[in-house]
C-alpha cells in the first residue's frame, strides 16, 4: 500500500475489491502453476489505484481486445469514472491496473 490509507465510498471499495479478485482469478487460470502475483493499492488525493502484476506466461489480451473477465473489470472502473488497463508485461507476465476516482462520478447526481 502507498499513500494515506483512508475510507472510500462503498461502491469504489467494492469495485476495487472485485477488480483485484478477478485479476487474481485470471492469474490462477492463465499465468501458469509457478506464477506469482503482487497486488498494489495506492491512495492518492483524488484517485485510488489497484494493480495486479504477475510473472506468468505473459499471455496476450485476446484478439477481441478483452476476455469476459477483463470486460467486467473495465466496466466496473468506467462506471465510476475511472479506467482500466490490462496488458502483457515486457518479457513475461501480465498487468491489470485500475484507477478509480476517490469519489465516484455518480456522486452528487440525482
PDB file of N, CA and C in Angstrom:
ATOM      1  N   UNK A   1       0.839  -1.174   0.000  1.00  0.00           N
ATOM      2  CA  UNK A   1       0.000   0.000   0.000  1.00  0.00           C
ATOM      3  C   UNK A   1       0.883   1.236   0.000  1.00  0.00           C
ATOM      4  N   UNK A   2       0.412   2.226  -0.728  1.00  0.00           N
ATOM      5  CA  UNK A   2       1.095   3.519  -0.741  1.00  0.00           C
ATOM      6  C   UNK A   2       0.066   4.608  -0.495  1.00  0.00           C
ATOM      7  N   UNK A   3       0.546   5.738  -0.029  1.00  0.00           N
ATOM      8  CA  UNK A   3      -0.337   6.870   0.240  1.00  0.00           C
ATOM      9  C   UNK A   3      -0.976   6.748   1.605  1.00  0.00           C
ATOM     10  N   UNK A   4      -1.854   7.663   1.879  1.00  0.00           N
ATOM     11  CA  UNK A   4      -2.557   7.725   3.155  1.00  0.00           C
ATOM     12  C   UNK A   4      -3.828   6.882   3.062  1.00  0.00           C
ATOM     13  N   UNK A   5      -3.807   5.703   3.694  1.00  0.00           N
ATOM     14  CA  UNK A   5      -4.950   4.804   3.651  1.00  0.00           C
ATOM     15  C   UNK A   5      -6.138   5.478   4.329  1.00  0.00           C
ATOM     16  N   UNK A   6      -7.274   5.436   3.642  1.00  0.00           N
ATOM     17  CA  UNK A   6      -8.465   6.087   4.176  1.00  0.00           C
ATOM     18  C   UNK A   6      -9.717   5.385   3.685  1.00  0.00           C
ATOM     19  N   UNK A   7     -10.828   5.744   4.279  1.00  0.00           N
ATOM     20  CA  UNK A   7     -12.130   5.225   3.880  1.00  0.00           C
ATOM     21  C   UNK A   7     -12.488   5.796   2.502  1.00  0.00           C
ATOM     22  N   UNK A   8     -13.021   4.960   1.641  1.00  0.00           N
ATOM     23  CA  UNK A   8     -13.506   5.408   0.338  1.00  0.00           C
ATOM     24  C   UNK A   8     -14.974   5.009   0.230  1.00  0.00           C
ATOM     25  N   UNK A   9     -15.726   5.616  -0.678  1.00  0.00           N
ATOM     26  CA  UNK A   9     -17.138   5.238  -0.839  1.00  0.00           C
ATOM     27  C   UNK A   9     -17.275   3.732  -1.091  1.00  0.00           C
ATOM     28  N   UNK A  10     -18.373   3.169  -0.594  1.00  0.00           N
ATOM     29  CA  UNK A  10     -18.594   1.727  -0.711  1.00  0.00           C
ATOM     30  C   UNK A  10     -18.488   1.217  -2.138  1.00  0.00           C
ATOM     31  N   UNK A  11     -19.034   1.977  -3.108  1.00  0.00           N
ATOM     32  CA  UNK A  11     -19.007   1.500  -4.494  1.00  0.00           C
ATOM     33  C   UNK A  11     -17.584   1.483  -5.054  1.00  0.00           C
ATOM     34  N   UNK A  12     -16.739   2.384  -4.611  1.00  0.00           N
ATOM     35  CA  UNK A  12     -15.336   2.393  -5.037  1.00  0.00           C
ATOM     36  C   UNK A  12     -14.600   1.232  -4.385  1.00  0.00           C
ATOM     37  N   UNK A  13     -14.832   1.041  -3.090  1.00  0.00           N
ATOM     38  CA  UNK A  13     -14.212  -0.061  -2.355  1.00  0.00           C
ATOM     39  C   UNK A  13     -14.596  -1.403  -2.970  1.00  0.00           C
ATOM     40  N   UNK A  14     -15.880  -1.564  -3.267  1.00  0.00           N
ATOM     41  CA  UNK A  14     -16.368  -2.806  -3.854  1.00  0.00           C
ATOM     42  C   UNK A  14     -15.775  -3.049  -5.237  1.00  0.00           C
ATOM     43  N   UNK A  15     -15.735  -2.014  -6.072  1.00  0.00           N
ATOM     44  CA  UNK A  15     -15.165  -2.159  -7.416  1.00  0.00           C
ATOM     45  C   UNK A  15     -13.692  -2.528  -7.345  1.00  0.00           C
ATOM     46  N   UNK A  16     -12.939  -1.878  -6.466  1.00  0.00           N
ATOM     47  CA  UNK A  16     -11.519  -2.188  -6.321  1.00  0.00           C
ATOM     48  C   UNK A  16     -11.334  -3.640  -5.891  1.00  0.00           C
ATOM     49  N   UNK A  17     -12.124  -4.080  -4.922  1.00  0.00           N
ATOM     50  CA  UNK A  17     -12.050  -5.464  -4.439  1.00  0.00           C
ATOM     51  C   UNK A  17     -12.340  -6.452  -5.564  1.00  0.00           C
ATOM     52  N   UNK A  18     -13.420  -6.213  -6.297  1.00  0.00           N
ATOM     53  CA  UNK A  18     -13.819  -7.135  -7.367  1.00  0.00           C
ATOM     54  C   UNK A  18     -12.809  -7.155  -8.519  1.00  0.00           C
ATOM     55  N   UNK A  19     -12.217  -6.022  -8.815  1.00  0.00           N
ATOM     56  CA  UNK A  19     -11.193  -5.975  -9.872  1.00  0.00           C
ATOM     57  C   UNK A  19      -9.980  -6.795  -9.451  1.00  0.00           C
ATOM     58  N   UNK A  20      -9.532  -6.623  -8.221  1.00  0.00           N
ATOM     59  CA  UNK A  20      -8.396  -7.421  -7.730  1.00  0.00           C
ATOM     60  C   UNK A  20      -8.758  -8.900  -7.721  1.00  0.00           C
ATOM     61  N   UNK A  21      -9.959  -9.216  -7.261  1.00  0.00           N
ATOM     62  CA  UNK A  21     -10.405 -10.611  -7.219  1.00  0.00           C
ATOM     63  C   UNK A  21     -10.370 -11.245  -8.611  1.00  0.00           C
ATOM     64  N   UNK A  22     -10.913 -10.562  -9.611  1.00  0.00           N
ATOM     65  CA  UNK A  22     -10.940 -11.092 -10.972  1.00  0.00           C
ATOM     66  C   UNK A  22      -9.535 -11.188 -11.555  1.00  0.00           C
ATOM     67  N   UNK A  23      -8.701 -10.179 -11.290  1.00  0.00           N
ATOM     68  CA  UNK A  23      -7.323 -10.221 -11.797  1.00  0.00           C
ATOM     69  C   UNK A  23      -6.574 -11.418 -11.213  1.00  0.00           C
ATOM     70  N   UNK A  24      -6.758 -11.690  -9.928  1.00  0.00           N
ATOM     71  CA  UNK A  24      -6.100 -12.851  -9.308  1.00  0.00           C
ATOM     72  C   UNK A  24      -6.676 -14.160  -9.833  1.00  0.00           C
ATOM     73  N   UNK A  25      -7.961 -14.187 -10.126  1.00  0.00           N
ATOM     74  CA  UNK A  25      -8.562 -15.367 -10.745  1.00  0.00           C
ATOM     75  C   UNK A  25      -7.917 -15.615 -12.101  1.00  0.00           C
ATOM     76  N   UNK A  26      -7.708 -14.542 -12.861  1.00  0.00           N
ATOM     77  CA  UNK A  26      -7.050 -14.685 -14.170  1.00  0.00           C
ATOM     78  C   UNK A  26      -5.625 -15.183 -14.028  1.00  0.00           C
ATOM     79  N   UNK A  27      -4.919 -14.743 -13.001  1.00  0.00           N
ATOM     80  CA  UNK A  27      -3.560 -15.251 -12.761  1.00  0.00           C
ATOM     81  C   UNK A  27      -3.617 -16.757 -12.554  1.00  0.00           C
ATOM     82  N   UNK A  28      -4.532 -17.215 -11.710  1.00  0.00           N
ATOM     83  CA  UNK A  28      -4.601 -18.652 -11.430  1.00  0.00           C
ATOM     84  C   UNK A  28      -5.017 -19.459 -12.661  1.00  0.00           C
ATOM     85  N   UNK A  29      -5.798 -18.871 -13.548  1.00  0.00           N
ATOM     86  CA  UNK A  29      -6.257 -19.582 -14.744  1.00  0.00           C
ATOM     87  C   UNK A  29      -5.251 -19.561 -15.890  1.00  0.00           C
ATOM     88  N   UNK A  30      -4.519 -18.448 -16.044  1.00  0.00           N
ATOM     89  CA  UNK A  30      -3.765 -18.243 -17.276  1.00  0.00           C
ATOM     90  C   UNK A  30      -2.254 -18.100 -17.124  1.00  0.00           C
ATOM     91  N   UNK A  31      -1.774 -17.798 -15.938  1.00  0.00           N
ATOM     92  CA  UNK A  31      -0.350 -17.458 -15.806  1.00  0.00           C
ATOM     93  C   UNK A  31       0.565 -18.660 -15.645  1.00  0.00           C
ATOM     94  N   UNK A  32       0.021 -19.799 -15.311  1.00  0.00           N
ATOM     95  CA  UNK A  32       0.849 -20.983 -15.115  1.00  0.00           C
ATOM     96  C   UNK A  32       1.006 -21.287 -13.632  1.00  0.00           C
ATOM     97  N   UNK A  33       1.305 -22.551 -13.346  1.00  0.00           N
ATOM     98  CA  UNK A  33       1.340 -23.019 -11.964  1.00  0.00           C
ATOM     99  C   UNK A  33       2.396 -22.354 -11.096  1.00  0.00           C
ATOM    100  N   UNK A  34       3.506 -21.987 -11.655  1.00  0.00           N
ATOM    101  CA  UNK A  34       4.586 -21.422 -10.838  1.00  0.00           C
ATOM    102  C   UNK A  34       4.558 -19.887 -10.781  1.00  0.00           C
ATOM    103  N   UNK A  35       3.527 -19.289 -11.334  1.00  0.00           N
ATOM    104  CA  UNK A  35       3.450 -17.823 -11.369  1.00  0.00           C
ATOM    105  C   UNK A  35       3.171 -17.250  -9.983  1.00  0.00           C
ATOM    106  N   UNK A  36       3.733 -16.085  -9.756  1.00  0.00           N
ATOM    107  CA  UNK A  36       3.469 -15.324  -8.532  1.00  0.00           C
ATOM    108  C   UNK A  36       2.808 -14.012  -8.935  1.00  0.00           C
ATOM    109  N   UNK A  37       2.029 -13.455  -8.023  1.00  0.00           N
ATOM    110  CA  UNK A  37       1.352 -12.187  -8.292  1.00  0.00           C
ATOM    111  C   UNK A  37       1.612 -11.224  -7.142  1.00  0.00           C
ATOM    112  N   UNK A  38       1.596  -9.954  -7.483  1.00  0.00           N
ATOM    113  CA  UNK A  38       1.722  -8.889  -6.484  1.00  0.00           C
ATOM    114  C   UNK A  38       0.533  -7.954  -6.651  1.00  0.00           C
ATOM    115  N   UNK A  39      -0.088  -7.601  -5.522  1.00  0.00           N
ATOM    116  CA  UNK A  39      -1.199  -6.664  -5.518  1.00  0.00           C
ATOM    117  C   UNK A  39      -0.722  -5.378  -4.862  1.00  0.00           C
ATOM    118  N   UNK A  40      -0.953  -4.274  -5.549  1.00  0.00           N
ATOM    119  CA  UNK A  40      -0.608  -2.957  -5.001  1.00  0.00           C
ATOM    120  C   UNK A  40      -1.852  -2.091  -4.953  1.00  0.00           C
ATOM    121  N   UNK A  41      -1.988  -1.358  -3.853  1.00  0.00           N
ATOM    122  CA  UNK A  41      -3.093  -0.414  -3.687  1.00  0.00           C
ATOM    123  C   UNK A  41      -2.476   0.933  -3.359  1.00  0.00           C
ATOM    124  N   UNK A  42      -2.848   1.949  -4.117  1.00  0.00           N
ATOM    125  CA  UNK A  42      -2.316   3.282  -3.894  1.00  0.00           C
ATOM    126  C   UNK A  42      -3.434   4.272  -3.626  1.00  0.00           C
ATOM    127  N   UNK A  43      -3.242   5.074  -2.587  1.00  0.00           N
ATOM    128  CA  UNK A  43      -4.218   6.109  -2.231  1.00  0.00           C
ATOM    129  C   UNK A  43      -3.617   7.462  -2.581  1.00  0.00           C
ATOM    130  N   UNK A  44      -4.188   8.122  -3.576  1.00  0.00           N
ATOM    131  CA  UNK A  44      -3.788   9.472  -3.927  1.00  0.00           C
ATOM    132  C   UNK A  44      -4.852  10.436  -3.434  1.00  0.00           C
ATOM    133  N   UNK A  45      -4.635  11.727  -3.621  1.00  0.00           N
ATOM    134  CA  UNK A  45      -5.608  12.708  -3.144  1.00  0.00           C
ATOM    135  C   UNK A  45      -7.002  12.525  -3.753  1.00  0.00           C
ATOM    136  N   UNK A  46      -7.059  12.210  -5.041  1.00  0.00           N
ATOM    137  CA  UNK A  46      -8.344  12.090  -5.728  1.00  0.00           C
ATOM    138  C   UNK A  46      -8.540  10.746  -6.409  1.00  0.00           C
ATOM    139  N   UNK A  47      -7.591   9.816  -6.227  1.00  0.00           N
ATOM    140  CA  UNK A  47      -7.554   8.595  -7.012  1.00  0.00           C
ATOM    141  C   UNK A  47      -7.137   7.413  -6.144  1.00  0.00           C
ATOM    142  N   UNK A  48      -7.801   6.297  -6.359  1.00  0.00           N
ATOM    143  CA  UNK A  48      -7.406   5.034  -5.747  1.00  0.00           C
ATOM    144  C   UNK A  48      -6.917   4.153  -6.899  1.00  0.00           C
ATOM    145  N   UNK A  49      -5.737   3.586  -6.756  1.00  0.00           N
ATOM    146  CA  UNK A  49      -5.177   2.731  -7.793  1.00  0.00           C
ATOM    147  C   UNK A  49      -5.016   1.322  -7.261  1.00  0.00           C
ATOM    148  N   UNK A  50      -5.482   0.345  -8.013  1.00  0.00           N
ATOM    149  CA  UNK A  50      -5.225  -1.057  -7.699  1.00  0.00           C
ATOM    150  C   UNK A  50      -4.500  -1.661  -8.893  1.00  0.00           C
ATOM    151  N   UNK A  51      -3.460  -2.428  -8.596  1.00  0.00           N
ATOM    152  CA  UNK A  51      -2.675  -3.030  -9.670  1.00  0.00           C
ATOM    153  C   UNK A  51      -2.287  -4.439  -9.273  1.00  0.00           C
ATOM    154  N   UNK A  52      -2.471  -5.365 -10.202  1.00  0.00           N
ATOM    155  CA  UNK A  52      -2.058  -6.751 -10.025  1.00  0.00           C
ATOM    156  C   UNK A  52      -1.070  -7.070 -11.135  1.00  0.00           C
ATOM    157  N   UNK A  53       0.142  -7.455 -10.733  1.00  0.00           N
ATOM    158  CA  UNK A  53       1.194  -7.859 -11.669  1.00  0.00           C
ATOM    159  C   UNK A  53       1.489  -9.326 -11.427  1.00  0.00           C
ATOM    160  N   UNK A  54       1.632 -10.087 -12.495  1.00  0.00           N
ATOM    161  CA  UNK A  54       2.086 -11.464 -12.331  1.00  0.00           C
ATOM    162  C   UNK A  54       3.326 -11.693 -13.191  1.00  0.00           C
ATOM    163  N   UNK A  55       4.033 -12.756 -12.870  1.00  0.00           N
ATOM    164  CA  UNK A  55       5.254 -13.096 -13.618  1.00  0.00           C
ATOM    165  C   UNK A  55       5.063 -14.369 -14.427  1.00  0.00           C
ATOM    166  N   UNK A  56       3.820 -14.611 -14.821  1.00  0.00           N
ATOM    167  CA  UNK A  56       3.479 -15.842 -15.523  1.00  0.00           C
ATOM    168  C   UNK A  56       3.841 -15.850 -16.986  1.00  0.00           C
ATOM    169  N   UNK A  57       3.091 -16.639 -17.727  1.00  0.00           N
ATOM    170  CA  UNK A  57       3.386 -16.922 -19.129  1.00  0.00           C
ATOM    171  C   UNK A  57       3.259 -15.716 -20.047  1.00  0.00           C
ATOM    172  N   UNK A  58       2.731 -14.615 -19.568  1.00  0.00           N
ATOM    173  CA  UNK A  58       2.658 -13.411 -20.397  1.00  0.00           C
ATOM    174  C   UNK A  58       1.645 -13.493 -21.499  1.00  0.00           C
ATOM    175  N   UNK A  59       0.557 -14.175 -21.243  1.00  0.00           N
ATOM    176  CA  UNK A  59      -0.494 -14.333 -22.247  1.00  0.00           C
ATOM    177  C   UNK A  59      -0.973 -12.978 -22.746  1.00  0.00           C
ATOM    178  N   UNK A  60      -1.165 -12.887 -24.009  1.00  0.00           N
ATOM    179  CA  UNK A  60      -1.647 -11.654 -24.635  1.00  0.00           C
ATOM    180  C   UNK A  60      -3.139 -11.487 -24.402  1.00  0.00           C
ATOM    181  N   UNK A  61      -3.609 -10.242 -24.475  1.00  0.00           N
ATOM    182  CA  UNK A  61      -5.040  -9.970 -24.427  1.00  0.00           C
ATOM    183  C   UNK A  61      -5.661 -10.597 -25.668  1.00  0.00           C
ATOM    184  N   UNK A  62      -6.838 -11.247 -25.546  1.00  0.00           N
ATOM    185  CA  UNK A  62      -7.467 -11.873 -26.713  1.00  0.00           C
ATOM    186  C   UNK A  62      -7.644 -10.889 -27.864  1.00  0.00           C
ATOM    187  N   UNK A  63      -7.671 -11.391 -29.115  1.00  0.00           N
ATOM    188  CA  UNK A  63      -7.788 -10.522 -30.286  1.00  0.00           C
ATOM    189  C   UNK A  63      -8.960  -9.556 -30.233  1.00  0.00           C
ATOM    190  N   UNK A  64     -10.035  -9.926 -29.559  1.00  0.00           N
ATOM    191  CA  UNK A  64     -11.188  -9.033 -29.467  1.00  0.00           C
ATOM    192  C   UNK A  64     -10.893  -7.832 -28.578  1.00  0.00           C
ATOM    193  N   UNK A  65      -9.755  -7.846 -27.897  1.00  0.00           N
ATOM    194  CA  UNK A  65      -9.381  -6.730 -27.026  1.00  0.00           C
ATOM    195  C   UNK A  65      -9.581  -7.038 -25.565  1.00  0.00           C
ATOM    196  N   UNK A  66     -10.384  -8.040 -25.252  1.00  0.00           N
ATOM    197  CA  UNK A  66     -10.602  -8.367 -23.847  1.00  0.00           C
ATOM    198  C   UNK A  66     -11.367  -9.677 -23.723  1.00  0.00           C
ATOM    199  N   UNK A  67     -11.029 -10.436 -22.686  1.00  0.00           N
ATOM    200  CA  UNK A  67     -11.818 -11.599 -22.325  1.00  0.00           C
ATOM    201  C   UNK A  67     -12.990 -11.119 -21.477  1.00  0.00           C
ATOM    202  N   UNK A  68     -13.893 -12.018 -21.144  1.00  0.00           N
ATOM    203  CA  UNK A  68     -15.074 -11.619 -20.369  1.00  0.00           C
ATOM    204  C   UNK A  68     -14.701 -11.025 -19.009  1.00  0.00           C
ATOM    205  N   UNK A  69     -13.706 -11.594 -18.346  1.00  0.00           N
ATOM    206  CA  UNK A  69     -13.275 -11.045 -17.057  1.00  0.00           C
ATOM    207  C   UNK A  69     -12.718  -9.643 -17.202  1.00  0.00           C
ATOM    208  N   UNK A  70     -11.949  -9.416 -18.253  1.00  0.00           N
ATOM    209  CA  UNK A  70     -11.400  -8.081 -18.493  1.00  0.00           C
ATOM    210  C   UNK A  70     -12.499  -7.084 -18.828  1.00  0.00           C
ATOM    211  N   UNK A  71     -13.508  -7.525 -19.562  1.00  0.00           N
ATOM    212  CA  UNK A  71     -14.633  -6.639 -19.882  1.00  0.00           C
ATOM    213  C   UNK A  71     -15.326  -6.213 -18.594  1.00  0.00           C
ATOM    214  N   UNK A  72     -15.589  -7.160 -17.706  1.00  0.00           N
ATOM    215  CA  UNK A  72     -16.242  -6.853 -16.444  1.00  0.00           C
ATOM    216  C   UNK A  72     -15.429  -5.889 -15.582  1.00  0.00           C
ATOM    217  N   UNK A  73     -14.118  -6.113 -15.534  1.00  0.00           N
ATOM    218  CA  UNK A  73     -13.255  -5.206 -14.761  1.00  0.00           C
ATOM    219  C   UNK A  73     -13.298  -3.804 -15.350  1.00  0.00           C
ATOM    220  N   UNK A  74     -13.212  -3.725 -16.666  1.00  0.00           N
ATOM    221  CA  UNK A  74     -13.239  -2.416 -17.332  1.00  0.00           C
ATOM    222  C   UNK A  74     -14.579  -1.709 -17.099  1.00  0.00           C
ATOM    223  N   UNK A  75     -15.665  -2.462 -17.162  1.00  0.00           N
ATOM    224  CA  UNK A  75     -16.984  -1.881 -16.922  1.00  0.00           C
ATOM    225  C   UNK A  75     -17.112  -1.353 -15.495  1.00  0.00           C
ATOM    226  N   UNK A  76     -16.588  -2.080 -14.518  1.00  0.00           N
ATOM    227  CA  UNK A  76     -16.626  -1.611 -13.122  1.00  0.00           C
ATOM    228  C   UNK A  76     -15.883  -0.287 -12.981  1.00  0.00           C
ATOM    229  N   UNK A  77     -14.722  -0.212 -13.591  1.00  0.00           N
ATOM    230  CA  UNK A  77     -13.914   1.007 -13.480  1.00  0.00           C
ATOM    231  C   UNK A  77     -14.594   2.183 -14.175  1.00  0.00           C
ATOM    232  N   UNK A  78     -15.051   1.981 -15.408  1.00  0.00           N
ATOM    233  CA  UNK A  78     -15.633   3.107 -16.152  1.00  0.00           C
ATOM    234  C   UNK A  78     -16.969   3.552 -15.565  1.00  0.00           C
ATOM    235  N   UNK A  79     -17.717   2.648 -14.933  1.00  0.00           N
ATOM    236  CA  UNK A  79     -18.984   3.030 -14.307  1.00  0.00           C
ATOM    237  C   UNK A  79     -18.782   4.061 -13.200  1.00  0.00           C
ATOM    238  N   UNK A  80     -17.589   4.083 -12.628  1.00  0.00           N
ATOM    239  CA  UNK A  80     -17.275   5.036 -11.554  1.00  0.00           C
ATOM    240  C   UNK A  80     -16.520   6.259 -12.066  1.00  0.00           C
ATOM    241  N   UNK A  81     -16.264   6.316 -13.372  1.00  0.00           N
ATOM    242  CA  UNK A  81     -15.499   7.423 -13.932  1.00  0.00           C
ATOM    243  C   UNK A  81     -14.001   7.157 -13.947  1.00  0.00           C
ATOM    244  N   UNK A  82     -13.617   5.907 -13.751  1.00  0.00           N
ATOM    245  CA  UNK A  82     -12.203   5.529 -13.771  1.00  0.00           C
ATOM    246  C   UNK A  82     -11.851   4.828 -15.069  1.00  0.00           C
ATOM    247  N   UNK A  83     -10.685   4.191 -15.082  1.00  0.00           N
ATOM    248  CA  UNK A  83     -10.314   3.409 -16.259  1.00  0.00           C
ATOM    249  C   UNK A  83      -9.431   2.237 -15.851  1.00  0.00           C
ATOM    250  N   UNK A  84      -9.303   1.297 -16.763  1.00  0.00           N
ATOM    251  CA  UNK A  84      -8.550   0.072 -16.517  1.00  0.00           C
ATOM    252  C   UNK A  84      -7.660  -0.217 -17.707  1.00  0.00           C
ATOM    253  N   UNK A  85      -6.445  -0.639 -17.420  1.00  0.00           N
ATOM    254  CA  UNK A  85      -5.502  -1.069 -18.449  1.00  0.00           C
ATOM    255  C   UNK A  85      -5.094  -2.497 -18.121  1.00  0.00           C
ATOM    256  N   UNK A  86      -5.133  -3.371 -19.109  1.00  0.00           N
ATOM    257  CA  UNK A  86      -4.710  -4.758 -18.961  1.00  0.00           C
ATOM    258  C   UNK A  86      -3.786  -5.067 -20.124  1.00  0.00           C
ATOM    259  N   UNK A  87      -2.564  -5.483 -19.801  1.00  0.00           N
ATOM    260  CA  UNK A  87      -1.593  -5.713 -20.878  1.00  0.00           C
ATOM    261  C   UNK A  87      -0.483  -6.638 -20.424  1.00  0.00           C
ATOM    262  N   UNK A  88       0.150  -7.266 -21.426  1.00  0.00           N
ATOM    263  CA  UNK A  88       1.315  -8.077 -21.151  1.00  0.00           C
ATOM    264  C   UNK A  88       2.464  -7.198 -20.675  1.00  0.00           C
ATOM    265  N   UNK A  89       3.321  -7.765 -19.840  1.00  0.00           N
ATOM    266  CA  UNK A  89       4.493  -7.049 -19.355  1.00  0.00           C
ATOM    267  C   UNK A  89       5.689  -7.407 -20.233  1.00  0.00           C
ATOM    268  N   UNK A  90       6.690  -6.517 -20.307  1.00  0.00           N
ATOM    269  CA  UNK A  90       7.890  -6.851 -21.081  1.00  0.00           C
ATOM    270  C   UNK A  90       8.518  -8.150 -20.565  1.00  0.00           C
ATOM    271  N   UNK A  91       8.840  -9.032 -21.473  1.00  0.00           N
ATOM    272  CA  UNK A  91       9.409 -10.316 -21.061  1.00  0.00           C
ATOM    273  C   UNK A  91       8.315 -11.316 -20.759  1.00  0.00           C
ATOM    274  N   UNK A  92       7.922 -11.384 -19.495  1.00  0.00           N
ATOM    275  CA  UNK A  92       6.876 -12.322 -19.050  1.00  0.00           C
ATOM    276  C   UNK A  92       5.901 -11.605 -18.139  1.00  0.00           C
ATOM    277  N   UNK A  93       4.716 -12.144 -18.061  1.00  0.00           N
ATOM    278  CA  UNK A  93       3.759 -11.640 -17.094  1.00  0.00           C
ATOM    279  C   UNK A  93       2.687 -10.758 -17.689  1.00  0.00           C
ATOM    280  N   UNK A  94       1.831 -10.300 -16.800  1.00  0.00           N
ATOM    281  CA  UNK A  94       0.663  -9.528 -17.198  1.00  0.00           C
ATOM    282  C   UNK A  94       0.370  -8.528 -16.096  1.00  0.00           C
ATOM    283  N   UNK A  95      -0.173  -7.368 -16.459  1.00  0.00           N
ATOM    284  CA  UNK A  95      -0.541  -6.327 -15.503  1.00  0.00           C
ATOM    285  C   UNK A  95      -1.990  -5.916 -15.723  1.00  0.00           C
ATOM    286  N   UNK A  96      -2.706  -5.786 -14.626  1.00  0.00           N
ATOM    287  CA  UNK A  96      -4.038  -5.182 -14.630  1.00  0.00           C
ATOM    288  C   UNK A  96      -3.951  -3.998 -13.675  1.00  0.00           C
ATOM    289  N   UNK A  97      -4.269  -2.811 -14.171  1.00  0.00           N
ATOM    290  CA  UNK A  97      -4.201  -1.595 -13.364  1.00  0.00           C
ATOM    291  C   UNK A  97      -5.496  -0.804 -13.533  1.00  0.00           C
ATOM    292  N   UNK A  98      -6.140  -0.528 -12.400  1.00  0.00           N
ATOM    293  CA  UNK A  98      -7.366   0.272 -12.414  1.00  0.00           C
ATOM    294  C   UNK A  98      -7.123   1.532 -11.606  1.00  0.00           C
ATOM    295  N   UNK A  99      -7.548   2.643 -12.169  1.00  0.00           N
ATOM    296  CA  UNK A  99      -7.521   3.924 -11.462  1.00  0.00           C
ATOM    297  C   UNK A  99      -8.964   4.347 -11.277  1.00  0.00           C
ATOM    298  N   UNK A 100      -9.342   4.498 -10.011  1.00  0.00           N
ATOM    299  CA  UNK A 100     -10.722   4.809  -9.660  1.00  0.00           C
ATOM    300  C   UNK A 100     -10.756   6.132  -8.919  1.00  0.00           C
ATOM    301  N   UNK A 101     -11.713   6.991  -9.234  1.00  0.00           N
ATOM    302  CA  UNK A 101     -11.809   8.253  -8.501  1.00  0.00           C
ATOM    303  C   UNK A 101     -12.156   7.974  -7.043  1.00  0.00           C
ATOM    304  N   UNK A 102     -11.564   8.730  -6.124  1.00  0.00           N
ATOM    305  CA  UNK A 102     -11.844   8.546  -4.697  1.00  0.00           C
ATOM    306  C   UNK A 102     -13.314   8.821  -4.402  1.00  0.00           C
ATOM    307  N   UNK A 103     -13.926   9.675  -5.210  1.00  0.00           N
ATOM    308  CA  UNK A 103     -15.370   9.930  -5.153  1.00  0.00           C
ATOM    309  C   UNK A 103     -15.896   9.599  -6.540  1.00  0.00           C
ATOM    310  N   UNK A 104     -16.805   8.629  -6.654  1.00  0.00           N
ATOM    311  CA  UNK A 104     -17.259   8.213  -7.992  1.00  0.00           C
ATOM    312  C   UNK A 104     -17.967   9.333  -8.745  1.00  0.00           C
ATOM    313  N   UNK A 105     -17.929   9.246 -10.066  1.00  0.00           N
ATOM    314  CA  UNK A 105     -18.537  10.254 -10.943  1.00  0.00           C
ATOM    315  C   UNK A 105     -20.025  10.424 -10.677  1.00  0.00           C
ATOM    316  N   UNK A 106     -20.689   9.364 -10.216  1.00  0.00           N
ATOM    317  CA  UNK A 106     -22.131   9.429  -9.974  1.00  0.00           C
ATOM    318  C   UNK A 106     -22.466  10.132  -8.657  1.00  0.00           C
ATOM    319  N   UNK A 107     -21.479  10.412  -7.802  1.00  0.00           N
ATOM    320  CA  UNK A 107     -21.760  11.050  -6.512  1.00  0.00           C
ATOM    321  C   UNK A 107     -22.338  12.436  -6.732  1.00  0.00           C
ATOM    322  N   UNK A 108     -23.377  12.724  -5.995  1.00  0.00           N
ATOM    323  CA  UNK A 108     -23.988  14.036  -6.069  1.00  0.00           C
ATOM    324  C   UNK A 108     -24.969  14.209  -7.213  1.00  0.00           C
ATOM    325  N   UNK A 109     -25.074  13.223  -8.100  1.00  0.00           N
ATOM    326  CA  UNK A 109     -26.018  13.322  -9.216  1.00  0.00           C
ATOM    327  C   UNK A 109     -27.350  12.740  -8.781  1.00  0.00           C
ATOM    328  N   UNK A 110     -28.446  13.298  -9.271  1.00  0.00           N
ATOM    329  CA  UNK A 110     -29.760  12.767  -8.922  1.00  0.00           C
ATOM    330  C   UNK A 110     -30.392  12.064 -10.091  1.00  0.00           C
TER     331      UNK A 110
END
